[in-house]
Amino acid sequence: MNIDFTGKTVLITGGASGAGTSIVREFAKTGADIAFTYNHSAPEELLNEFSDLKIKGYQFNQGDLSEIDVLIDRIMKDFGRIDVLVNNAGIYPARSFDTMSEQDYDNMMDINTKGVFFLSRAISKAMKQGSIINISSINATNPAVRLIHYGMSKAAIEMETRCLAYELGPEIRVNCIAPGLIYKEGQEKWIPGWTESYQERSALHRLVDPSEIGKAAVFFASDLASAVTGQILTVDCGVSLAPYFYNEVEDES
């Protein structure tokens, strides 16, 4: 089916890198007007890629709540409306439980949880009708060494999704995507064996392609999901289906 977002404005946080860029690209295919945020340098290459569309980037620190109203004012001035919010921006620093500092913990929660909460609240008032899509992680429900604070921050996002879906309906639908390990060139060098292990354990024997997160976001925002709200969609190539035990059982028949 042809999904057409012509005349609608989509705001994607953290749209200048990683899966965020793929989310931008997938919405661009639908003809949407796109506003996206970035935290450091302006992504001129991304802007040039879609020079035929109405697209604009905004520098934004999600951990600084004072920047939220400024961001929304600028987007409303430039686009006149916001129909879809994709809360993609977040951080992923690994820290051990024994050595994690208070600052490490606070930074994670400020950006991944508190920033998403207050941005969603402000956008919902400006949106009036539309869709909010949060990006969680399989770490919200699956423990991982050195990522306890990350898992906690994403678990909170999943509960926020359910609560907001009930509170903001029927005008605004709220859903969440929980990605598994997303392919990124060179990542096998960061933690040797990580990629191979994931591929072996996943039902599809591969990593998640970034474009697949973008496609899931487009689905949630579209009329194809018009009756879907408060849901968590796991996009992990089936790694969460991996059995706990691999011991083979002989066929006794």
C-alpha atoms as a PDB file:
ATOM      1  CA  MET A   1       0.000   0.000   0.000  1.00  0.00           C
ATOM      2  CA  ASN A   2       1.143   3.514  -0.788  1.00  0.00           C
ATOM      3  CA  ILE A   3       1.600   5.507   2.427  1.00  0.00           C
ATOM      4  CA  ASP A   4       1.332   9.231   1.722  1.00  0.00           C
ATOM      5  CA  PHE A   5       2.311  11.803   4.344  1.00  0.00           C
ATOM      6  CA  THR A   6       2.219  14.752   1.954  1.00  0.00           C
ATOM      7  CA  GLY A   7       1.293  17.897   3.866  1.00  0.00           C
ATOM      8  CA  LYS A   8       2.171  16.384   7.234  1.00  0.00           C
ATOM      9  CA  THR A   9       5.150  17.270   9.412  1.00  0.00           C
ATOM     10  CA  VAL A  10       7.207  14.611  11.172  1.00  0.00           C
ATOM     11  CA  LEU A  11       9.646  15.503  13.974  1.00  0.00           C
ATOM     12  CA  ILE A  12      12.424  12.965  14.512  1.00  0.00           C
ATOM     13  CA  THR A  13      14.811  13.509  17.406  1.00  0.00           C
ATOM     14  CA  GLY A  14      18.381  12.325  16.903  1.00  0.00           C
ATOM     15  CA  GLY A  15      17.763  12.155  13.166  1.00  0.00           C
ATOM     16  CA  ALA A  16      21.287  12.955  12.063  1.00  0.00           C
ATOM     17  CA  SER A  17      22.946   9.631  12.858  1.00  0.00           C
ATOM     18  CA  GLY A  18      22.379   5.904  13.307  1.00  0.00           C
ATOM     19  CA  ALA A  19      18.850   4.596  13.095  1.00  0.00           C
ATOM     20  CA  GLY A  20      17.602   8.179  13.239  1.00  0.00           C
ATOM     21  CA  THR A  21      18.906   8.843   9.741  1.00  0.00           C
ATOM     22  CA  SER A  22      17.105   5.769   8.441  1.00  0.00           C
ATOM     23  CA  ILE A  23      13.887   6.949  10.087  1.00  0.00           C
ATOM     24  CA  VAL A  24      14.313  10.277   8.281  1.00  0.00           C
ATOM     25  CA  ARG A  25      14.860   8.465   4.989  1.00  0.00           C
ATOM     26  CA  GLU A  26      11.795   6.235   5.368  1.00  0.00           C
ATOM     27  CA  PHE A  27       9.502   9.158   6.152  1.00  0.00           C
ATOM     28  CA  ALA A  28      11.030  11.083   3.260  1.00  0.00           C
ATOM     29  CA  LYS A  29       9.789   8.328   0.952  1.00  0.00           C
ATOM     30  CA  THR A  30       6.233   9.112   2.061  1.00  0.00           C
ATOM     31  CA  GLY A  31       6.503  12.764   1.019  1.00  0.00           C
ATOM     32  CA  ALA A  32       6.384  14.100   4.575  1.00  0.00           C
ATOM     33  CA  ASP A  33       7.817  17.443   5.625  1.00  0.00           C
ATOM     34  CA  ILE A  34      10.594  16.559   8.067  1.00  0.00           C
ATOM     35  CA  ALA A  35      12.050  18.327  11.073  1.00  0.00           C
ATOM     36  CA  PHE A  36      14.832  16.537  12.907  1.00  0.00           C
ATOM     37  CA  THR A  37      17.147  17.314  15.782  1.00  0.00           C
ATOM     38  CA  TYR A  38      20.871  16.823  16.168  1.00  0.00           C
ATOM     39  CA  ASN A  39      23.186  17.413  19.104  1.00  0.00           C
ATOM     40  CA  HIS A  40      26.495  18.398  17.559  1.00  0.00           C
ATOM     41  CA  SER A  41      27.381  19.462  14.003  1.00  0.00           C
ATOM     42  CA  ALA A  42      24.801  20.274  11.341  1.00  0.00           C
ATOM     43  CA  PRO A  43      24.298  17.260   9.017  1.00  0.00           C
ATOM     44  CA  GLU A  44      24.678  19.030   5.680  1.00  0.00           C
ATOM     45  CA  GLU A  45      24.994  15.735   3.795  1.00  0.00           C
ATOM     46  CA  LEU A  46      21.594  14.577   5.042  1.00  0.00           C
ATOM     47  CA  LEU A  47      19.974  17.895   4.187  1.00  0.00           C
ATOM     48  CA  ASN A  48      21.431  17.822   0.683  1.00  0.00           C
ATOM     49  CA  GLU A  49      20.194  14.254   0.178  1.00  0.00           C
ATOM     50  CA  PHE A  50      16.593  15.456   0.375  1.00  0.00           C
ATOM     51  CA  SER A  51      16.919  18.916  -1.137  1.00  0.00           C
ATOM     52  CA  ASP A  52      13.673  18.334  -3.047  1.00  0.00           C
ATOM     53  CA  LEU A  53      11.688  17.998   0.210  1.00  0.00           C
ATOM     54  CA  LYS A  54      10.903  20.431   2.978  1.00  0.00           C
ATOM     55  CA  ILE A  55      13.401  19.284   5.582  1.00  0.00           C
ATOM     56  CA  LYS A  56      15.244  21.143   8.321  1.00  0.00           C
ATOM     57  CA  GLY A  57      17.569  20.232  11.189  1.00  0.00           C
ATOM     58  CA  TYR A  58      17.592  21.827  14.627  1.00  0.00           C
ATOM     59  CA  GLN A  59      20.371  21.648  17.194  1.00  0.00           C
ATOM     60  CA  PHE A  60      18.811  20.396  20.412  1.00  0.00           C
ATOM     61  CA  ASN A  61      20.046  19.003  23.723  1.00  0.00           C
ATOM     62  CA  GLN A  62      17.345  16.657  24.974  1.00  0.00           C
ATOM     63  CA  GLY A  63      18.831  16.732  28.450  1.00  0.00           C
ATOM     64  CA  ASP A  64      18.153  20.482  28.772  1.00  0.00           C
ATOM     65  CA  LEU A  65      14.424  20.997  29.349  1.00  0.00           C
ATOM     66  CA  SER A  66      14.737  24.747  28.775  1.00  0.00           C
ATOM     67  CA  GLU A  67      15.346  24.057  25.069  1.00  0.00           C
ATOM     68  CA  ILE A  68      12.028  22.273  24.466  1.00  0.00           C
ATOM     69  CA  ASP A  69       9.760  25.306  24.069  1.00  0.00           C
ATOM     70  CA  VAL A  70      12.340  27.016  21.887  1.00  0.00           C
ATOM     71  CA  LEU A  71      12.496  23.969  19.610  1.00  0.00           C
ATOM     72  CA  ILE A  72       8.732  23.713  19.264  1.00  0.00           C
ATOM     73  CA  ASP A  73       8.366  27.439  18.574  1.00  0.00           C
ATOM     74  CA  ARG A  74      10.949  27.220  15.781  1.00  0.00           C
ATOM     75  CA  ILE A  75       9.327  24.171  14.196  1.00  0.00           C
ATOM     76  CA  MET A  76       5.845  25.682  14.336  1.00  0.00           C
ATOM     77  CA  LYS A  77       7.187  28.863  12.760  1.00  0.00           C
ATOM     78  CA  ASP A  78       8.931  26.918   9.971  1.00  0.00           C
ATOM     79  CA  PHE A  79       6.336  24.192   9.331  1.00  0.00           C
ATOM     80  CA  GLY A  80       3.112  25.395  10.947  1.00  0.00           C
ATOM     81  CA  ARG A  81       2.221  21.981  12.380  1.00  0.00           C
ATOM     82  CA  ILE A  82       3.533  18.756  13.931  1.00  0.00           C
ATOM     83  CA  ASP A  83       1.683  15.540  13.105  1.00  0.00           C
ATOM     84  CA  VAL A  84       4.149  12.865  14.180  1.00  0.00           C
ATOM     85  CA  LEU A  85       6.851  12.771  16.853  1.00  0.00           C
ATOM     86  CA  VAL A  86       9.499  10.039  16.818  1.00  0.00           C
ATOM     87  CA  ASN A  87      11.419  10.038  20.106  1.00  0.00           C
ATOM     88  CA  ASN A  88      14.607   8.476  18.786  1.00  0.00           C
ATOM     89  CA  ALA A  89      17.365  10.501  20.482  1.00  0.00           C
ATOM     90  CA  GLY A  90      19.171   8.794  23.328  1.00  0.00           C
ATOM     91  CA  ILE A  91      22.534   7.770  24.737  1.00  0.00           C
ATOM     92  CA  TYR A  92      24.064   4.326  25.238  1.00  0.00           C
ATOM     93  CA  PRO A  93      27.194   4.572  27.426  1.00  0.00           C
ATOM     94  CA  ALA A  94      28.167   1.303  29.093  1.00  0.00           C
ATOM     95  CA  ARG A  95      29.042   1.552  32.790  1.00  0.00           C
ATOM     96  CA  SER A  96      29.513  -1.151  35.389  1.00  0.00           C
ATOM     97  CA  PHE A  97      27.203  -1.247  38.395  1.00  0.00           C
ATOM     98  CA  ASP A  98      30.173  -1.024  40.779  1.00  0.00           C
ATOM     99  CA  THR A  99      31.791   2.057  39.229  1.00  0.00           C
ATOM    100  CA  MET A 100      28.832   4.002  37.818  1.00  0.00           C
ATOM    101  CA  SER A 101      28.842   7.577  39.082  1.00  0.00           C
ATOM    102  CA  GLU A 102      25.803   9.623  40.021  1.00  0.00           C
ATOM    103  CA  GLN A 103      26.509  11.786  36.991  1.00  0.00           C
ATOM    104  CA  ASP A 104      26.507   8.719  34.703  1.00  0.00           C
ATOM    105  CA  TYR A 105      23.128   7.705  36.081  1.00  0.00           C
ATOM    106  CA  ASP A 106      21.631  11.185  35.916  1.00  0.00           C
ATOM    107  CA  ASN A 107      22.811  11.787  32.335  1.00  0.00           C
ATOM    108  CA  MET A 108      21.163   8.565  31.197  1.00  0.00           C
ATOM    109  CA  MET A 109      17.851   9.332  32.863  1.00  0.00           C
ATOM    110  CA  ASP A 110      17.851  13.025  31.921  1.00  0.00           C
ATOM    111  CA  ILE A 111      18.247  12.297  28.216  1.00  0.00           C
ATOM    112  CA  ASN A 112      16.626   8.898  27.695  1.00  0.00           C
ATOM    113  CA  THR A 113      13.683   9.251  30.053  1.00  0.00           C
ATOM    114  CA  LYS A 114      12.998  12.726  31.445  1.00  0.00           C
ATOM    115  CA  GLY A 115      13.736  14.500  28.162  1.00  0.00           C
ATOM    116  CA  VAL A 116      11.396  12.172  26.267  1.00  0.00           C
ATOM    117  CA  PHE A 117       8.636  12.673  28.832  1.00  0.00           C
ATOM    118  CA  PHE A 118       8.676  16.465  28.779  1.00  0.00           C
ATOM    119  CA  LEU A 119       9.184  16.736  25.023  1.00  0.00           C
ATOM    120  CA  SER A 120       6.215  14.406  24.461  1.00  0.00           C
ATOM    121  CA  ARG A 121       4.064  16.487  26.791  1.00  0.00           C
ATOM    122  CA  ALA A 122       4.932  19.734  25.031  1.00  0.00           C
ATOM    123  CA  ILE A 123       4.499  18.246  21.552  1.00  0.00           C
ATOM    124  CA  SER A 124       1.135  16.686  22.444  1.00  0.00           C
ATOM    125  CA  LYS A 125      -0.201  20.151  23.241  1.00  0.00           C
ATOM    126  CA  ALA A 126       1.031  21.516  19.916  1.00  0.00           C
ATOM    127  CA  MET A 127      -0.010  18.413  17.969  1.00  0.00           C
ATOM    128  CA  LYS A 128      -3.669  18.110  19.036  1.00  0.00           C
ATOM    129  CA  GLN A 129      -4.051  15.056  16.783  1.00  0.00           C
ATOM    130  CA  GLY A 130      -1.453  12.606  15.480  1.00  0.00           C
ATOM    131  CA  SER A 131       1.028   9.961  16.568  1.00  0.00           C
ATOM    132  CA  ILE A 132       3.919   9.672  19.014  1.00  0.00           C
ATOM    133  CA  ILE A 133       6.428   6.872  18.486  1.00  0.00           C
ATOM    134  CA  ASN A 134       8.995   6.086  21.152  1.00  0.00           C
ATOM    135  CA  ILE A 135      12.177   4.107  20.578  1.00  0.00           C
ATOM    136  CA  SER A 136      12.941   1.683  23.373  1.00  0.00           C
ATOM    137  CA  SER A 137      15.251  -1.365  23.276  1.00  0.00           C
ATOM    138  CA  ILE A 138      15.191  -5.075  23.950  1.00  0.00           C
ATOM    139  CA  ASN A 139      17.339  -4.102  26.963  1.00  0.00           C
ATOM    140  CA  ALA A 140      14.136  -2.791  28.553  1.00  0.00           C
ATOM    141  CA  THR A 141      13.159  -6.393  29.236  1.00  0.00           C
ATOM    142  CA  ASN A 142      16.430  -8.298  28.842  1.00  0.00           C
ATOM    143  CA  PRO A 143      19.252  -7.640  31.340  1.00  0.00           C
ATOM    144  CA  ALA A 144      22.669  -6.763  29.918  1.00  0.00           C
ATOM    145  CA  VAL A 145      26.003  -6.418  31.698  1.00  0.00           C
ATOM    146  CA  ARG A 146      27.140  -2.775  32.106  1.00  0.00           C
ATOM    147  CA  LEU A 147      23.818  -1.442  30.804  1.00  0.00           C
ATOM    148  CA  ILE A 148      21.632  -1.510  33.922  1.00  0.00           C
ATOM    149  CA  HIS A 149      20.928   2.247  33.772  1.00  0.00           C
ATOM    150  CA  TYR A 150      20.213   2.042  30.045  1.00  0.00           C
ATOM    151  CA  GLY A 151      17.770  -0.825  30.534  1.00  0.00           C
ATOM    152  CA  MET A 152      16.042   1.078  33.337  1.00  0.00           C
ATOM    153  CA  SER A 153      15.692   4.179  31.176  1.00  0.00           C
ATOM    154  CA  LYS A 154      14.136   2.195  28.326  1.00  0.00           C
ATOM    155  CA  ALA A 155      11.832   0.209  30.607  1.00  0.00           C
ATOM    156  CA  ALA A 156      10.467   3.552  31.789  1.00  0.00           C
ATOM    157  CA  ILE A 157       9.863   4.571  28.176  1.00  0.00           C
ATOM    158  CA  GLU A 158       7.785   1.458  27.576  1.00  0.00           C
ATOM    159  CA  MET A 159       5.585   2.180  30.593  1.00  0.00           C
ATOM    160  CA  GLU A 160       5.320   5.807  29.525  1.00  0.00           C
ATOM    161  CA  THR A 161       4.122   4.591  26.120  1.00  0.00           C
ATOM    162  CA  ARG A 162       1.256   2.651  27.670  1.00  0.00           C
ATOM    163  CA  CYS A 163       0.265   5.422  30.070  1.00  0.00           C
ATOM    164  CA  LEU A 164       0.331   8.166  27.443  1.00  0.00           C
ATOM    165  CA  ALA A 165      -1.572   6.035  24.952  1.00  0.00           C
ATOM    166  CA  TYR A 166      -4.463   5.858  27.423  1.00  0.00           C
ATOM    167  CA  GLU A 167      -4.212   9.482  28.542  1.00  0.00           C
ATOM    168  CA  LEU A 168      -3.818  11.095  25.105  1.00  0.00           C
ATOM    169  CA  GLY A 169      -6.360   8.997  23.236  1.00  0.00           C
ATOM    170  CA  PRO A 170      -8.411   9.258  21.133  1.00  0.00           C
ATOM    171  CA  GLU A 171      -6.677  12.248  19.543  1.00  0.00           C
ATOM    172  CA  ILE A 172      -3.094  10.943  19.745  1.00  0.00           C
ATOM    173  CA  ARG A 173      -1.876   7.367  19.370  1.00  0.00           C
ATOM    174  CA  VAL A 174       1.314   6.417  21.232  1.00  0.00           C
ATOM    175  CA  ASN A 175       3.385   3.343  20.385  1.00  0.00           C
ATOM    176  CA  CYS A 176       6.925   2.109  20.869  1.00  0.00           C
ATOM    177  CA  ILE A 177       9.582   0.239  18.883  1.00  0.00           C
ATOM    178  CA  ALA A 178      12.058  -1.962  20.774  1.00  0.00           C
ATOM    179  CA  PRO A 179      15.025  -2.646  18.476  1.00  0.00           C
ATOM    180  CA  GLY A 180      17.588  -5.358  18.892  1.00  0.00           C
ATOM    181  CA  LEU A 181      21.189  -4.988  17.761  1.00  0.00           C
ATOM    182  CA  ILE A 182      21.201  -2.651  14.754  1.00  0.00           C
ATOM    183  CA  TYR A 183      23.856  -3.135  12.120  1.00  0.00           C
ATOM    184  CA  LYS A 184      26.530  -0.459  11.990  1.00  0.00           C
ATOM    185  CA  GLU A 185      29.678  -0.745   9.938  1.00  0.00           C
ATOM    186  CA  GLY A 186      32.708  -1.633  12.036  1.00  0.00           C
ATOM    187  CA  GLN A 187      30.777  -2.517  15.194  1.00  0.00           C
ATOM    188  CA  GLU A 188      32.329  -5.992  15.334  1.00  0.00           C
ATOM    189  CA  LYS A 189      35.569  -4.227  16.301  1.00  0.00           C
ATOM    190  CA  TRP A 190      34.017  -2.703  19.436  1.00  0.00           C
ATOM    191  CA  ILE A 191      33.189  -5.987  21.157  1.00  0.00           C
ATOM    192  CA  PRO A 192      34.776  -8.954  19.375  1.00  0.00           C
ATOM    193  CA  GLY A 193      32.322 -11.772  18.834  1.00  0.00           C
ATOM    194  CA  TRP A 194      29.265  -9.619  19.622  1.00  0.00           C
ATOM    195  CA  THR A 195      27.905  -9.561  16.076  1.00  0.00           C
ATOM    196  CA  GLU A 196      28.532 -13.254  15.482  1.00  0.00           C
ATOM    197  CA  SER A 197      26.881 -14.239  18.750  1.00  0.00           C
ATOM    198  CA  TYR A 198      23.781 -12.173  17.998  1.00  0.00           C
ATOM    199  CA  GLN A 199      23.444 -13.583  14.504  1.00  0.00           C
ATOM    200  CA  GLU A 200      23.796 -17.131  15.778  1.00  0.00           C
ATOM    201  CA  ARG A 201      21.113 -16.703  18.440  1.00  0.00           C
ATOM    202  CA  SER A 202      18.575 -14.752  16.373  1.00  0.00           C
ATOM    203  CA  ALA A 203      15.851 -16.618  14.495  1.00  0.00           C
ATOM    204  CA  LEU A 204      16.690 -14.755  11.260  1.00  0.00           C
ATOM    205  CA  HIS A 205      20.462 -15.197  11.775  1.00  0.00           C
ATOM    206  CA  ARG A 206      21.263 -11.543  11.163  1.00  0.00           C
ATOM    207  CA  LEU A 207      21.307  -8.097  12.743  1.00  0.00           C
ATOM    208  CA  VAL A 208      18.565  -5.508  12.350  1.00  0.00           C
ATOM    209  CA  ASP A 209      18.994  -3.198   9.374  1.00  0.00           C
ATOM    210  CA  PRO A 210      18.495   0.486  10.356  1.00  0.00           C
ATOM    211  CA  SER A 211      15.891   0.904   7.613  1.00  0.00           C
ATOM    212  CA  GLU A 212      13.696  -1.656   9.377  1.00  0.00           C
ATOM    213  CA  ILE A 213      13.328   0.675  12.351  1.00  0.00           C
ATOM    214  CA  GLY A 214      12.278   3.460   9.993  1.00  0.00           C
ATOM    215  CA  LYS A 215       9.702   1.238   8.305  1.00  0.00           C
ATOM    216  CA  ALA A 216       8.232   0.256  11.670  1.00  0.00           C
ATOM    217  CA  ALA A 217       7.953   3.936  12.608  1.00  0.00           C
ATOM    218  CA  VAL A 218       6.175   4.755   9.326  1.00  0.00           C
ATOM    219  CA  PHE A 219       3.749   1.889   9.965  1.00  0.00           C
ATOM    220  CA  PHE A 220       2.886   3.139  13.456  1.00  0.00           C
ATOM    221  CA  ALA A 221       2.339   6.684  12.163  1.00  0.00           C
ATOM    222  CA  SER A 222       0.194   5.595   9.216  1.00  0.00           C
ATOM    223  CA  ASP A 223      -3.481   4.734   8.913  1.00  0.00           C
ATOM    224  CA  LEU A 224      -2.442   1.088   8.657  1.00  0.00           C
ATOM    225  CA  ALA A 225      -2.065   1.271  12.451  1.00  0.00           C
ATOM    226  CA  SER A 226      -5.173   3.378  13.044  1.00  0.00           C
ATOM    227  CA  ALA A 227      -6.436   0.998  15.756  1.00  0.00           C
ATOM    228  CA  VAL A 228      -3.006   0.406  17.315  1.00  0.00           C
ATOM    229  CA  THR A 229      -1.959   2.335  20.411  1.00  0.00           C
ATOM    230  CA  GLY A 230      -0.032   1.579  23.598  1.00  0.00           C
ATOM    231  CA  GLN A 231       1.869  -1.245  21.919  1.00  0.00           C
ATOM    232  CA  ILE A 232       5.537  -2.269  21.994  1.00  0.00           C
ATOM    233  CA  LEU A 233       6.815  -3.685  18.710  1.00  0.00           C
ATOM    234  CA  THR A 234      10.004  -5.738  19.085  1.00  0.00           C
ATOM    235  CA  VAL A 235      12.223  -5.513  15.992  1.00  0.00           C
ATOM    236  CA  ASP A 236      15.151  -7.792  16.798  1.00  0.00           C
ATOM    237  CA  CYS A 237      15.296 -10.504  14.105  1.00  0.00           C
ATOM    238  CA  GLY A 238      13.984 -12.914  16.718  1.00  0.00           C
ATOM    239  CA  VAL A 239      16.944 -12.886  19.109  1.00  0.00           C
ATOM    240  CA  SER A 240      14.560 -12.642  22.062  1.00  0.00           C
ATOM    241  CA  LEU A 241      13.186 -16.041  21.017  1.00  0.00           C
ATOM    242  CA  ALA A 242      16.508 -17.778  21.630  1.00  0.00           C
ATOM    243  CA  PRO A 243      16.138 -20.726  24.031  1.00  0.00           C
ATOM    244  CA  TYR A 244      17.871 -20.529  27.380  1.00  0.00           C
ATOM    245  CA  PHE A 245      19.404 -23.975  26.930  1.00  0.00           C
ATOM    246  CA  TYR A 246      21.045 -25.401  23.857  1.00  0.00           C
ATOM    247  CA  ASN A 247      21.547 -28.980  25.054  1.00  0.00           C
ATOM    248  CA  GLU A 248      20.378 -31.342  22.349  1.00  0.00           C
ATOM    249  CA  VAL A 249      17.754 -33.961  23.150  1.00  0.00           C
ATOM    250  CA  GLU A 250      18.037 -37.277  21.377  1.00  0.00           C
ATOM    251  CA  ASP A 251      15.024 -38.495  19.444  1.00  0.00           C
ATOM    252  CA  GLU A 252      13.779 -41.539  21.352  1.00  0.00           C
ATOM    253  CA  SER A 253      11.097 -42.504  18.848  1.00  0.00           C
END
